[in-house]
All heavy atoms as atom14 arrays in JSON, in Angstrom:
{
  "sequence": "VFGVEKLVLSKLYEEGSNKRIFNIDRHVGMAVAGLLADARSL",
  "atom14_mask": [
    [1, 1, 1, 1, 1, 1, 1, 0, 0, 0, 0, 0, 0, 0],
    [1, 1, 1, 1, 1, 1, 1, 1, 1, 1, 1, 0, 0, 0],
    [1, 1, 1, 1, 0, 0, 0, 0, 0, 0, 0, 0, 0, 0],
    [1, 1, 1, 1, 1, 1, 1, 0, 0, 0, 0, 0, 0, 0],
    [1, 1, 1, 1, 1, 1, 1, 1, 1, 0, 0, 0, 0, 0],
    [1, 1, 1, 1, 1, 1, 1, 1, 1, 0, 0, 0, 0, 0],
    [1, 1, 1, 1, 1, 1, 1, 1, 0, 0, 0, 0, 0, 0],
    [1, 1, 1, 1, 1, 1, 1, 0, 0, 0, 0, 0, 0, 0],
    [1, 1, 1, 1, 1, 1, 1, 1, 0, 0, 0, 0, 0, 0],
    [1, 1, 1, 1, 1, 1, 0, 0, 0, 0, 0, 0, 0, 0],
    [1, 1, 1, 1, 1, 1, 1, 1, 1, 0, 0, 0, 0, 0],
    [1, 1, 1, 1, 1, 1, 1, 1, 0, 0, 0, 0, 0, 0],
    [1, 1, 1, 1, 1, 1, 1, 1, 1, 1, 1, 1, 0, 0],
    [1, 1, 1, 1, 1, 1, 1, 1, 1, 0, 0, 0, 0, 0],
    [1, 1, 1, 1, 1, 1, 1, 1, 1, 0, 0, 0, 0, 0],
    [1, 1, 1, 1, 0, 0, 0, 0, 0, 0, 0, 0, 0, 0],
    [1, 1, 1, 1, 1, 1, 0, 0, 0, 0, 0, 0, 0, 0],
    [1, 1, 1, 1, 1, 1, 1, 1, 0, 0, 0, 0, 0, 0],
    [1, 1, 1, 1, 1, 1, 1, 1, 1, 0, 0, 0, 0, 0],
    [1, 1, 1, 1, 1, 1, 1, 1, 1, 1, 1, 0, 0, 0],
    [1, 1, 1, 1, 1, 1, 1, 1, 0, 0, 0, 0, 0, 0],
    [1, 1, 1, 1, 1, 1, 1, 1, 1, 1, 1, 0, 0, 0],
    [1, 1, 1, 1, 1, 1, 1, 1, 0, 0, 0, 0, 0, 0],
    [1, 1, 1, 1, 1, 1, 1, 1, 0, 0, 0, 0, 0, 0],
    [1, 1, 1, 1, 1, 1, 1, 1, 0, 0, 0, 0, 0, 0],
    [1, 1, 1, 1, 1, 1, 1, 1, 1, 1, 1, 0, 0, 0],
    [1, 1, 1, 1, 1, 1, 1, 1, 1, 1, 0, 0, 0, 0],
    [1, 1, 1, 1, 1, 1, 1, 0, 0, 0, 0, 0, 0, 0],
    [1, 1, 1, 1, 0, 0, 0, 0, 0, 0, 0, 0, 0, 0],
    [1, 1, 1, 1, 1, 1, 1, 1, 0, 0, 0, 0, 0, 0],
    [1, 1, 1, 1, 1, 0, 0, 0, 0, 0, 0, 0, 0, 0],
    [1, 1, 1, 1, 1, 1, 1, 0, 0, 0, 0, 0, 0, 0],
    [1, 1, 1, 1, 1, 0, 0, 0, 0, 0, 0, 0, 0, 0],
    [1, 1, 1, 1, 0, 0, 0, 0, 0, 0, 0, 0, 0, 0],
    [1, 1, 1, 1, 1, 1, 1, 1, 0, 0, 0, 0, 0, 0],
    [1, 1, 1, 1, 1, 1, 1, 1, 0, 0, 0, 0, 0, 0],
    [1, 1, 1, 1, 1, 0, 0, 0, 0, 0, 0, 0, 0, 0],
    [1, 1, 1, 1, 1, 1, 1, 1, 0, 0, 0, 0, 0, 0],
    [1, 1, 1, 1, 1, 0, 0, 0, 0, 0, 0, 0, 0, 0],
    [1, 1, 1, 1, 1, 1, 1, 1, 1, 1, 1, 0, 0, 0],
    [1, 1, 1, 1, 1, 1, 0, 0, 0, 0, 0, 0, 0, 0],
    [1, 1, 1, 1, 1, 1, 1, 1, 0, 0, 0, 0, 0, 0]
  ],
  "atom14_positions": [
    [[0.84, -1.23, -0.08], [0.01, -0.02, 0.02], [0.88, 1.26, 0.03], [1.79, 1.38, 0.81], [-0.94, -0.04, 1.28], [-1.82, 1.23, 1.2], [-1.85, -1.17, 1.25], [0.0, 0.0, 0.0], [0.0, 0.0, 0.0], [0.0, 0.0, 0.0], [0.0, 0.0, 0.0], [0.0, 0.0, 0.0], [0.0, 0.0, 0.0], [0.0, 0.0, 0.0]],
    [[0.63, 2.19, -0.92], [1.26, 3.41, -0.88], [0.47, 4.61, -0.37], [-0.75, 4.49, -0.68], [1.64, 3.85, -2.48], [2.7, 2.82, -3.08], [2.35, 2.08, -4.17], [4.1, 2.89, -2.58], [3.35, 1.27, -4.84], [5.07, 2.03, -3.23], [4.63, 1.23, -4.32], [0.0, 0.0, 0.0], [0.0, 0.0, 0.0], [0.0, 0.0, 0.0]],
    [[0.95, 5.56, 0.21], [0.31, 6.72, 0.62], [1.23, 7.9, 0.54], [2.33, 7.9, 0.76], [0.0, 0.0, 0.0], [0.0, 0.0, 0.0], [0.0, 0.0, 0.0], [0.0, 0.0, 0.0], [0.0, 0.0, 0.0], [0.0, 0.0, 0.0], [0.0, 0.0, 0.0], [0.0, 0.0, 0.0], [0.0, 0.0, 0.0], [0.0, 0.0, 0.0]],
    [[0.56, 9.04, -0.14], [1.38, 10.29, -0.33], [0.61, 11.41, 0.1], [-0.56, 11.57, -0.09], [1.63, 10.43, -1.88], [2.33, 11.77, -2.16], [2.48, 9.35, -2.44], [0.0, 0.0, 0.0], [0.0, 0.0, 0.0], [0.0, 0.0, 0.0], [0.0, 0.0, 0.0], [0.0, 0.0, 0.0], [0.0, 0.0, 0.0], [0.0, 0.0, 0.0]],
    [[1.33, 12.34, 0.83], [0.71, 13.6, 1.36], [1.05, 14.53, 0.12], [2.22, 15.19, 0.23], [1.38, 13.84, 2.7], [1.12, 15.36, 3.12], [2.31, 15.9, 3.89], [3.36, 15.52, 3.85], [1.97, 16.78, 4.76], [0.0, 0.0, 0.0], [0.0, 0.0, 0.0], [0.0, 0.0, 0.0], [0.0, 0.0, 0.0], [0.0, 0.0, 0.0]],
    [[0.15, 14.89, -0.68], [0.41, 15.83, -1.74], [-0.05, 17.28, -1.36], [-1.3, 17.48, -1.2], [-0.32, 15.42, -3.02], [0.04, 16.22, -4.26], [-0.61, 15.73, -5.52], [-2.02, 16.27, -5.5], [-2.68, 15.85, -6.73], [0.0, 0.0, 0.0], [0.0, 0.0, 0.0], [0.0, 0.0, 0.0], [0.0, 0.0, 0.0], [0.0, 0.0, 0.0]],
    [[0.86, 18.07, -1.06], [0.55, 19.35, -0.68], [-0.1, 20.24, -1.8], [0.38, 20.29, -2.93], [1.92, 20.1, -0.2], [2.59, 19.56, 0.97], [3.85, 20.24, 1.39], [1.63, 19.33, 2.27], [0.0, 0.0, 0.0], [0.0, 0.0, 0.0], [0.0, 0.0, 0.0], [0.0, 0.0, 0.0], [0.0, 0.0, 0.0], [0.0, 0.0, 0.0]],
    [[-1.23, 21.03, -1.32], [-1.86, 21.81, -2.24], [-1.49, 23.2, -2.13], [-1.83, 23.82, -1.1], [-3.53, 21.68, -2.11], [-4.2, 22.55, -3.1], [-3.77, 20.21, -2.39], [0.0, 0.0, 0.0], [0.0, 0.0, 0.0], [0.0, 0.0, 0.0], [0.0, 0.0, 0.0], [0.0, 0.0, 0.0], [0.0, 0.0, 0.0], [0.0, 0.0, 0.0]],
    [[-0.6, 23.73, -2.97], [-0.09, 25.09, -2.74], [-1.01, 26.25, -3.12], [-0.72, 27.29, -2.82], [1.39, 25.09, -3.5], [2.33, 24.03, -3.15], [3.5, 24.2, -4.06], [2.63, 24.13, -1.69], [0.0, 0.0, 0.0], [0.0, 0.0, 0.0], [0.0, 0.0, 0.0], [0.0, 0.0, 0.0], [0.0, 0.0, 0.0], [0.0, 0.0, 0.0]],
    [[-1.85, 25.92, -3.94], [-2.92, 26.94, -4.41], [-4.33, 26.37, -4.5], [-4.55, 25.18, -4.9], [-2.61, 27.41, -5.82], [-3.58, 28.2, -6.34], [0.0, 0.0, 0.0], [0.0, 0.0, 0.0], [0.0, 0.0, 0.0], [0.0, 0.0, 0.0], [0.0, 0.0, 0.0], [0.0, 0.0, 0.0], [0.0, 0.0, 0.0], [0.0, 0.0, 0.0]],
    [[-5.22, 27.29, -4.06], [-6.71, 26.85, -4.14], [-7.17, 26.54, -5.54], [-8.28, 26.16, -5.87], [-7.57, 27.89, -3.39], [-7.38, 27.64, -1.9], [-8.27, 28.85, -1.28], [-7.92, 28.79, 0.38], [-8.77, 29.84, 1.05], [0.0, 0.0, 0.0], [0.0, 0.0, 0.0], [0.0, 0.0, 0.0], [0.0, 0.0, 0.0], [0.0, 0.0, 0.0]],
    [[-6.44, 27.22, -6.46], [-6.85, 27.15, -7.84], [-6.49, 25.91, -8.65], [-6.83, 25.77, -9.81], [-6.25, 28.35, -8.58], [-6.53, 29.74, -8.08], [-5.84, 30.81, -8.71], [-8.05, 29.98, -8.1], [0.0, 0.0, 0.0], [0.0, 0.0, 0.0], [0.0, 0.0, 0.0], [0.0, 0.0, 0.0], [0.0, 0.0, 0.0], [0.0, 0.0, 0.0]],
    [[-5.65, 25.08, -8.01], [-5.31, 23.85, -8.63], [-6.51, 22.84, -8.75], [-7.41, 22.83, -8.09], [-4.3, 22.98, -7.68], [-2.78, 23.45, -7.76], [-2.0, 22.99, -6.76], [-2.32, 24.26, -8.74], [-0.55, 23.46, -6.84], [-1.04, 24.73, -8.73], [-0.18, 24.31, -7.89], [1.17, 24.73, -7.85], [0.0, 0.0, 0.0], [0.0, 0.0, 0.0]],
    [[-6.53, 22.22, -10.04], [-7.53, 21.23, -10.18], [-7.29, 19.94, -9.44], [-6.0, 19.59, -9.26], [-7.43, 20.81, -11.67], [-8.54, 19.83, -12.03], [-8.54, 19.53, -13.48], [-7.85, 20.2, -14.27], [-9.14, 18.54, -13.91], [0.0, 0.0, 0.0], [0.0, 0.0, 0.0], [0.0, 0.0, 0.0], [0.0, 0.0, 0.0], [0.0, 0.0, 0.0]],
    [[-8.24, 19.46, -8.79], [-8.06, 18.27, -7.96], [-7.56, 17.0, -8.66], [-7.93, 16.72, -9.83], [-9.5, 18.0, -7.24], [-9.26, 16.87, -6.16], [-10.7, 16.52, -5.51], [-11.58, 17.43, -5.61], [-10.82, 15.47, -4.96], [0.0, 0.0, 0.0], [0.0, 0.0, 0.0], [0.0, 0.0, 0.0], [0.0, 0.0, 0.0], [0.0, 0.0, 0.0]],
    [[-6.5, 16.41, -8.15], [-6.14, 15.17, -8.73], [-4.9, 15.45, -9.81], [-4.29, 14.61, -10.39], [0.0, 0.0, 0.0], [0.0, 0.0, 0.0], [0.0, 0.0, 0.0], [0.0, 0.0, 0.0], [0.0, 0.0, 0.0], [0.0, 0.0, 0.0], [0.0, 0.0, 0.0], [0.0, 0.0, 0.0], [0.0, 0.0, 0.0], [0.0, 0.0, 0.0]],
    [[-4.52, 16.74, -9.94], [-3.36, 16.93, -10.83], [-2.04, 16.86, -10.16], [-2.05, 16.81, -8.96], [-3.52, 18.52, -11.45], [-3.51, 19.38, -10.29], [0.0, 0.0, 0.0], [0.0, 0.0, 0.0], [0.0, 0.0, 0.0], [0.0, 0.0, 0.0], [0.0, 0.0, 0.0], [0.0, 0.0, 0.0], [0.0, 0.0, 0.0], [0.0, 0.0, 0.0]],
    [[-0.97, 16.91, -10.99], [0.4, 16.54, -10.38], [0.48, 15.5, -9.36], [0.93, 15.57, -8.27], [0.81, 17.86, -9.72], [1.08, 19.01, -10.65], [1.46, 18.83, -11.79], [0.78, 20.29, -10.23], [0.0, 0.0, 0.0], [0.0, 0.0, 0.0], [0.0, 0.0, 0.0], [0.0, 0.0, 0.0], [0.0, 0.0, 0.0], [0.0, 0.0, 0.0]],
    [[0.06, 14.38, -9.88], [0.08, 13.17, -9.04], [1.49, 12.83, -8.61], [2.49, 12.86, -9.4], [-0.59, 11.97, -9.67], [-2.12, 12.07, -9.76], [-2.82, 10.83, -10.16], [-4.3, 10.97, -10.07], [-4.86, 11.15, -8.68], [0.0, 0.0, 0.0], [0.0, 0.0, 0.0], [0.0, 0.0, 0.0], [0.0, 0.0, 0.0], [0.0, 0.0, 0.0]],
    [[1.68, 12.17, -7.51], [2.94, 11.75, -6.98], [2.93, 10.19, -6.85], [3.88, 9.58, -6.31], [3.23, 12.32, -5.56], [3.62, 13.78, -5.78], [4.17, 14.45, -4.42], [4.66, 15.82, -4.73], [5.95, 16.0, -4.9], [6.89, 15.04, -4.83], [6.41, 17.23, -5.04], [0.0, 0.0, 0.0], [0.0, 0.0, 0.0], [0.0, 0.0, 0.0]],
    [[2.06, 9.45, -7.41], [1.9, 8.14, -7.5], [1.85, 7.73, -9.01], [0.99, 8.24, -9.6], [0.74, 7.53, -6.69], [1.07, 7.58, -5.19], [0.6, 5.9, -7.05], [-0.08, 7.13, -4.27], [0.0, 0.0, 0.0], [0.0, 0.0, 0.0], [0.0, 0.0, 0.0], [0.0, 0.0, 0.0], [0.0, 0.0, 0.0], [0.0, 0.0, 0.0]],
    [[2.88, 6.86, -9.51], [2.79, 6.49, -10.91], [2.63, 5.07, -11.08], [3.05, 4.14, -10.28], [4.09, 6.95, -11.53], [4.51, 8.31, -11.4], [5.31, 8.86, -10.45], [3.93, 9.22, -12.35], [5.69, 10.14, -10.25], [4.14, 10.61, -12.14], [5.07, 11.11, -11.21], [0.0, 0.0, 0.0], [0.0, 0.0, 0.0], [0.0, 0.0, 0.0]],
    [[2.05, 4.73, -12.3], [2.06, 3.31, -12.7], [3.25, 3.07, -13.6], [3.42, 3.79, -14.5], [0.86, 3.1, -13.67], [-0.29, 2.24, -12.94], [0.04, 1.38, -12.05], [-1.52, 2.34, -13.35], [0.0, 0.0, 0.0], [0.0, 0.0, 0.0], [0.0, 0.0, 0.0], [0.0, 0.0, 0.0], [0.0, 0.0, 0.0], [0.0, 0.0, 0.0]],
    [[4.12, 2.07, -13.25], [5.35, 1.75, -13.95], [4.99, 0.5, -14.88], [5.42, 0.6, -15.98], [6.44, 1.41, -13.04], [6.64, 2.57, -12.03], [7.79, 0.98, -13.85], [6.96, 3.87, -12.83], [0.0, 0.0, 0.0], [0.0, 0.0, 0.0], [0.0, 0.0, 0.0], [0.0, 0.0, 0.0], [0.0, 0.0, 0.0], [0.0, 0.0, 0.0]],
    [[4.34, -0.34, -14.34], [3.93, -1.58, -15.12], [2.69, -2.15, -14.63], [2.14, -1.56, -13.65], [5.1, -2.7, -15.05], [5.01, -3.68, -16.24], [4.07, -3.71, -16.98], [5.95, -4.44, -16.26], [0.0, 0.0, 0.0], [0.0, 0.0, 0.0], [0.0, 0.0, 0.0], [0.0, 0.0, 0.0], [0.0, 0.0, 0.0], [0.0, 0.0, 0.0]],
    [[2.15, -3.15, -15.2], [0.77, -3.67, -14.64], [0.91, -4.08, -13.18], [0.04, -3.79, -12.53], [0.49, -4.89, -15.46], [0.0, -4.69, -16.87], [-0.46, -6.01, -17.6], [0.8, -6.85, -17.69], [0.83, -7.81, -18.62], [0.01, -8.0, -19.51], [1.99, -8.72, -18.71], [0.0, 0.0, 0.0], [0.0, 0.0, 0.0], [0.0, 0.0, 0.0]],
    [[2.13, -4.53, -12.81], [2.22, -5.05, -11.4], [3.1, -4.25, -10.65], [3.46, -4.62, -9.53], [2.83, -6.51, -11.46], [4.18, -6.55, -11.97], [4.59, -5.93, -13.34], [5.39, -6.92, -11.42], [5.87, -6.22, -13.44], [6.35, -6.77, -12.39], [0.0, 0.0, 0.0], [0.0, 0.0, 0.0], [0.0, 0.0, 0.0], [0.0, 0.0, 0.0]],
    [[3.62, -3.02, -11.06], [4.42, -2.15, -10.4], [4.0, -0.65, -10.21], [3.49, -0.16, -11.17], [5.94, -2.14, -11.05], [6.86, -1.19, -10.22], [6.46, -3.58, -11.2], [0.0, 0.0, 0.0], [0.0, 0.0, 0.0], [0.0, 0.0, 0.0], [0.0, 0.0, 0.0], [0.0, 0.0, 0.0], [0.0, 0.0, 0.0], [0.0, 0.0, 0.0]],
    [[3.99, -0.09, -8.9], [3.64, 1.15, -8.7], [4.86, 1.94, -8.14], [5.91, 1.27, -7.56], [0.0, 0.0, 0.0], [0.0, 0.0, 0.0], [0.0, 0.0, 0.0], [0.0, 0.0, 0.0], [0.0, 0.0, 0.0], [0.0, 0.0, 0.0], [0.0, 0.0, 0.0], [0.0, 0.0, 0.0], [0.0, 0.0, 0.0], [0.0, 0.0, 0.0]],
    [[4.83, 3.22, -8.13], [5.94, 4.07, -7.67], [5.3, 5.36, -6.86], [4.52, 5.96, -7.48], [6.88, 4.57, -8.86], [7.9, 5.51, -8.5], [8.54, 6.5, -9.92], [9.9, 5.38, -10.4], [0.0, 0.0, 0.0], [0.0, 0.0, 0.0], [0.0, 0.0, 0.0], [0.0, 0.0, 0.0], [0.0, 0.0, 0.0], [0.0, 0.0, 0.0]],
    [[5.86, 5.58, -5.73], [5.52, 6.74, -4.99], [6.67, 7.62, -4.86], [7.86, 7.01, -4.53], [4.93, 6.43, -3.53], [0.0, 0.0, 0.0], [0.0, 0.0, 0.0], [0.0, 0.0, 0.0], [0.0, 0.0, 0.0], [0.0, 0.0, 0.0], [0.0, 0.0, 0.0], [0.0, 0.0, 0.0], [0.0, 0.0, 0.0], [0.0, 0.0, 0.0]],
    [[6.52, 8.89, -5.05], [7.89, 9.83, -5.17], [7.71, 11.01, -4.13], [6.72, 11.42, -3.73], [8.04, 10.33, -6.53], [8.14, 9.21, -7.56], [7.0, 11.32, -6.89], [0.0, 0.0, 0.0], [0.0, 0.0, 0.0], [0.0, 0.0, 0.0], [0.0, 0.0, 0.0], [0.0, 0.0, 0.0], [0.0, 0.0, 0.0], [0.0, 0.0, 0.0]],
    [[9.1, 11.38, -3.75], [9.15, 12.55, -2.94], [10.36, 13.35, -3.6], [11.39, 12.79, -4.0], [9.39, 12.31, -1.58], [0.0, 0.0, 0.0], [0.0, 0.0, 0.0], [0.0, 0.0, 0.0], [0.0, 0.0, 0.0], [0.0, 0.0, 0.0], [0.0, 0.0, 0.0], [0.0, 0.0, 0.0], [0.0, 0.0, 0.0], [0.0, 0.0, 0.0]],
    [[10.23, 14.65, -3.51], [11.28, 15.53, -4.11], [10.81, 16.34, -5.25], [9.66, 16.71, -5.37], [0.0, 0.0, 0.0], [0.0, 0.0, 0.0], [0.0, 0.0, 0.0], [0.0, 0.0, 0.0], [0.0, 0.0, 0.0], [0.0, 0.0, 0.0], [0.0, 0.0, 0.0], [0.0, 0.0, 0.0], [0.0, 0.0, 0.0], [0.0, 0.0, 0.0]],
    [[11.68, 16.6, -6.25], [11.26, 17.44, -7.43], [10.45, 16.57, -8.41], [10.91, 15.58, -8.82], [12.57, 17.93, -8.24], [13.52, 18.81, -7.33], [14.73, 19.21, -8.27], [12.79, 19.93, -6.8], [0.0, 0.0, 0.0], [0.0, 0.0, 0.0], [0.0, 0.0, 0.0], [0.0, 0.0, 0.0], [0.0, 0.0, 0.0], [0.0, 0.0, 0.0]],
    [[9.3, 17.0, -8.64], [8.25, 16.24, -9.41], [8.77, 15.96, -10.78], [8.59, 14.95, -11.37], [6.88, 16.77, -9.34], [5.71, 16.04, -9.84], [5.7, 14.66, -9.09], [4.46, 16.64, -9.6], [0.0, 0.0, 0.0], [0.0, 0.0, 0.0], [0.0, 0.0, 0.0], [0.0, 0.0, 0.0], [0.0, 0.0, 0.0], [0.0, 0.0, 0.0]],
    [[9.39, 17.01, -11.47], [9.91, 16.79, -12.88], [10.84, 15.78, -12.95], [10.89, 14.96, -13.89], [10.34, 18.17, -13.29], [0.0, 0.0, 0.0], [0.0, 0.0, 0.0], [0.0, 0.0, 0.0], [0.0, 0.0, 0.0], [0.0, 0.0, 0.0], [0.0, 0.0, 0.0], [0.0, 0.0, 0.0], [0.0, 0.0, 0.0], [0.0, 0.0, 0.0]],
    [[11.85, 15.7, -11.9], [12.85, 14.71, -11.98], [12.21, 13.25, -11.84], [12.52, 12.38, -12.36], [13.82, 14.93, -10.78], [14.79, 16.04, -11.06], [14.57, 16.8, -12.03], [15.76, 16.13, -10.24], [0.0, 0.0, 0.0], [0.0, 0.0, 0.0], [0.0, 0.0, 0.0], [0.0, 0.0, 0.0], [0.0, 0.0, 0.0], [0.0, 0.0, 0.0]],
    [[11.17, 13.24, -10.84], [10.49, 11.91, -10.57], [9.72, 11.46, -11.89], [9.76, 10.32, -12.1], [9.55, 12.19, -9.5], [0.0, 0.0, 0.0], [0.0, 0.0, 0.0], [0.0, 0.0, 0.0], [0.0, 0.0, 0.0], [0.0, 0.0, 0.0], [0.0, 0.0, 0.0], [0.0, 0.0, 0.0], [0.0, 0.0, 0.0], [0.0, 0.0, 0.0]],
    [[9.17, 12.33, -12.66], [8.45, 11.87, -13.89], [9.46, 11.28, -14.91], [9.11, 10.36, -15.54], [7.82, 13.21, -14.47], [6.47, 13.47, -13.85], [5.69, 14.29, -14.75], [4.45, 14.82, -13.96], [4.19, 16.07, -13.75], [5.06, 17.04, -14.17], [3.13, 16.44, -13.08], [0.0, 0.0, 0.0], [0.0, 0.0, 0.0], [0.0, 0.0, 0.0]],
    [[10.65, 11.9, -15.04], [11.57, 11.36, -15.99], [12.14, 10.08, -15.48], [12.34, 9.15, -16.35], [12.74, 12.4, -16.19], [13.69, 12.27, -15.25], [0.0, 0.0, 0.0], [0.0, 0.0, 0.0], [0.0, 0.0, 0.0], [0.0, 0.0, 0.0], [0.0, 0.0, 0.0], [0.0, 0.0, 0.0], [0.0, 0.0, 0.0], [0.0, 0.0, 0.0]],
    [[12.24, 9.79, -14.17], [12.64, 8.49, -13.71], [11.53, 7.52, -13.79], [11.77, 6.39, -14.09], [13.11, 8.71, -12.18], [14.53, 9.22, -11.95], [14.77, 9.35, -10.55], [15.52, 8.51, -12.64], [0.0, 0.0, 0.0], [0.0, 0.0, 0.0], [0.0, 0.0, 0.0], [0.0, 0.0, 0.0], [0.0, 0.0, 0.0], [0.0, 0.0, 0.0]]
  ]
}
């Protein structure tokens, strides 16, 4: 089970955007902390 505290820095953000949990394969998930752009490339 993965859990992420995704901070909402602006009330104008759309809910569910800039996710910090990714699907890598059918059977693999990834949760990230740090710079989101770096995490996306990894």
